Protein backbone atom coordinates (compact mmCIF):
# COMPACT_ATOMS: atom_id res chain seq x y z
CA UNK A 1 -3.61 78.52 41.26
CA UNK A 2 -4.51 75.09 40.07
CA UNK A 3 -6.05 73.17 37.26
CA UNK A 4 -8.00 70.08 38.10
CA UNK A 5 -8.13 67.64 35.14
CA UNK A 6 -10.95 65.15 35.65
CA UNK A 7 -12.62 62.23 33.87
CA UNK A 8 -15.49 63.98 32.06
CA UNK A 9 -17.60 60.81 31.83
CA UNK A 10 -17.19 59.70 35.47
CA UNK A 11 -20.10 60.42 37.77
CA UNK A 12 -17.84 60.62 40.83
CA UNK A 13 -15.39 62.89 39.14
CA UNK A 14 -18.13 65.22 37.97
CA UNK A 15 -19.49 65.37 41.50
CA UNK A 16 -16.05 66.18 42.76
CA UNK A 17 -15.75 69.07 40.32
CA UNK A 18 -19.08 70.56 41.45
CA UNK A 19 -18.07 69.97 45.13
CA UNK A 20 -14.91 71.94 44.59
CA UNK A 21 -16.63 74.63 42.58
CA UNK A 22 -19.17 75.10 45.43
CA UNK A 23 -16.54 75.26 48.17
CA UNK A 24 -13.70 77.10 46.39
CA UNK A 25 -14.48 80.51 47.82
CA UNK A 26 -11.18 82.01 46.64
CA UNK A 27 -11.62 80.55 43.16
CA UNK A 28 -8.09 79.17 42.86
CA UNK A 29 -9.12 76.22 40.69
CA UNK A 30 -9.93 75.89 37.03
CA UNK A 31 -11.29 72.70 35.47
CA UNK A 32 -10.75 70.72 32.30
CA UNK A 33 -11.65 67.21 31.29
CA UNK A 34 -8.93 64.55 30.73
CA UNK A 35 -10.63 64.01 27.32
CA UNK A 36 -10.07 67.71 26.35
CA UNK A 37 -7.57 69.62 24.28
CA UNK A 38 -6.06 71.36 27.29
CA UNK A 39 -5.11 68.06 28.89
CA UNK A 40 -3.67 66.72 25.64
CA UNK A 41 -1.49 69.83 25.38
CA UNK A 42 -0.40 69.56 29.10
CA UNK A 43 0.37 65.84 28.77
CA UNK A 44 2.30 66.07 25.51
CA UNK A 45 5.83 64.85 26.05
CA UNK A 46 5.21 64.22 29.79
CA UNK A 47 5.07 60.58 30.63
CA UNK A 48 4.22 61.29 34.18
CA UNK A 49 0.57 61.70 33.43
CA UNK A 50 0.00 61.08 29.81
CA UNK A 51 -2.82 58.64 29.31
CA UNK A 52 -4.00 59.15 32.87
CA UNK A 53 -7.55 58.31 33.89
CA UNK A 54 -7.27 59.58 37.32
CA UNK A 55 -7.59 63.08 38.70
CA UNK A 56 -4.54 65.26 37.87
CA UNK A 57 -3.88 68.63 39.55
CA UNK A 58 -1.40 71.04 38.15
CA UNK A 59 -0.59 73.46 40.94
CA UNK A 60 1.46 76.65 40.43
CA UNK A 61 2.53 78.74 43.37
CA UNK A 62 5.51 81.16 43.85
CA UNK A 63 6.85 80.34 40.33
CA UNK A 64 6.86 76.61 41.07
CA UNK A 65 4.83 74.11 39.09
CA UNK A 66 3.82 70.80 40.63
CA UNK A 67 1.90 67.91 39.05
CA UNK A 68 -0.10 65.82 41.50
CA UNK A 69 -1.83 62.58 40.81
CA UNK A 70 -4.39 60.47 42.45
CA UNK A 71 -4.42 60.66 46.30
CA UNK A 72 -2.03 63.58 46.55
CA UNK A 73 -4.06 65.52 44.01
CA UNK A 74 -7.19 65.10 46.17
CA UNK A 75 -5.31 66.09 49.32
CA UNK A 76 -4.06 69.27 47.58
CA UNK A 77 -7.49 70.23 46.48
CA UNK A 78 -9.00 69.62 49.93
CA UNK A 79 -6.20 71.66 51.53
CA UNK A 80 -7.18 74.68 49.37
CA UNK A 81 -10.78 74.47 50.60
CA UNK A 82 -10.72 75.98 54.17
CA UNK A 83 -13.69 73.96 55.45
CA UNK A 84 -11.96 70.74 54.48
CA UNK A 85 -8.45 71.31 55.61
CA UNK A 86 -8.98 69.02 58.53
CA UNK A 87 -9.68 66.16 56.11
CA UNK A 88 -6.65 67.09 54.00
CA UNK A 89 -4.48 67.01 57.13
CA UNK A 90 -5.91 63.67 58.12
CA UNK A 91 -5.42 62.10 54.68
CA UNK A 92 -2.03 63.84 54.34
CA UNK A 93 -0.42 61.88 57.11
CA UNK A 94 -0.97 58.64 55.25
CA UNK A 95 2.01 57.32 53.38
CA UNK A 96 1.53 57.88 49.61
CA UNK A 97 1.21 54.20 48.75
CA UNK A 98 -1.69 53.89 51.30
CA UNK A 99 -3.31 57.08 50.04
CA UNK A 100 -3.08 55.92 46.42
CA UNK A 101 -4.50 52.48 47.48
CA UNK A 102 -7.54 54.22 48.87
CA UNK A 103 -7.83 56.33 45.74
CA UNK A 104 -7.44 53.25 43.57
CA UNK A 105 -10.09 51.43 45.50
CA UNK A 106 -12.60 54.23 44.94
CA UNK A 107 -11.54 54.59 41.29
CA UNK A 108 -12.02 50.86 40.67
CA UNK A 109 -15.59 51.08 41.64
CA UNK A 110 -16.51 54.59 40.53
CA UNK A 111 -18.48 53.73 37.41
CA UNK A 112 -20.48 51.06 39.22
CA UNK A 113 -21.25 53.27 42.23
CA UNK A 114 -21.61 56.64 40.57
CA UNK A 115 -22.35 55.80 36.96
CA UNK A 116 -20.92 56.88 33.65
CA UNK A 117 -22.26 59.98 32.12
CA UNK A 118 -22.64 60.67 28.38
CA UNK A 119 -22.45 64.35 29.07
CA UNK A 120 -21.42 66.56 31.98
CA UNK A 121 -23.72 68.99 33.69
CA UNK A 122 -23.31 72.25 31.89
CA UNK A 123 -21.88 75.06 33.92
CA UNK A 124 -24.07 78.21 34.28
CA UNK A 125 -22.79 81.66 33.11
CA UNK A 126 -21.15 82.28 36.48
CA UNK A 127 -19.43 78.88 36.52
CA UNK A 128 -18.44 78.89 32.86
CA UNK A 129 -15.33 81.07 33.36
CA UNK A 130 -13.73 78.39 35.58
CA UNK A 131 -13.76 75.76 32.80
CA UNK A 132 -10.93 75.70 30.33
CA UNK A 133 -12.37 73.23 27.74
């Protein structure tokens, strides 16, 4: 199971959340904004992603907990979506610095290309249970 922490005001990030929600047939992901209380609790005392403005995935499996940032976070999410494993496999062969460079390139232009939203789309009743904040 995983938690995707996302920038709640970023148009691209919000589209990514709704994309995952639409394709996550096994419902392994939960969602919370980086601006929310859940992320503040997760990040407390952990320098690895405190103050992050990129996607953060906390993945727990077989008693192990892994924190993934930026490109590796996206690859993990795509890998969990069966229809997009091919893309995860393709991106996963890239060295981490290259993958993060691609991520950073998209992130640097995300507000200009996808806008900045004052509010997120509200989940419907069915979707509501997958949001932690």
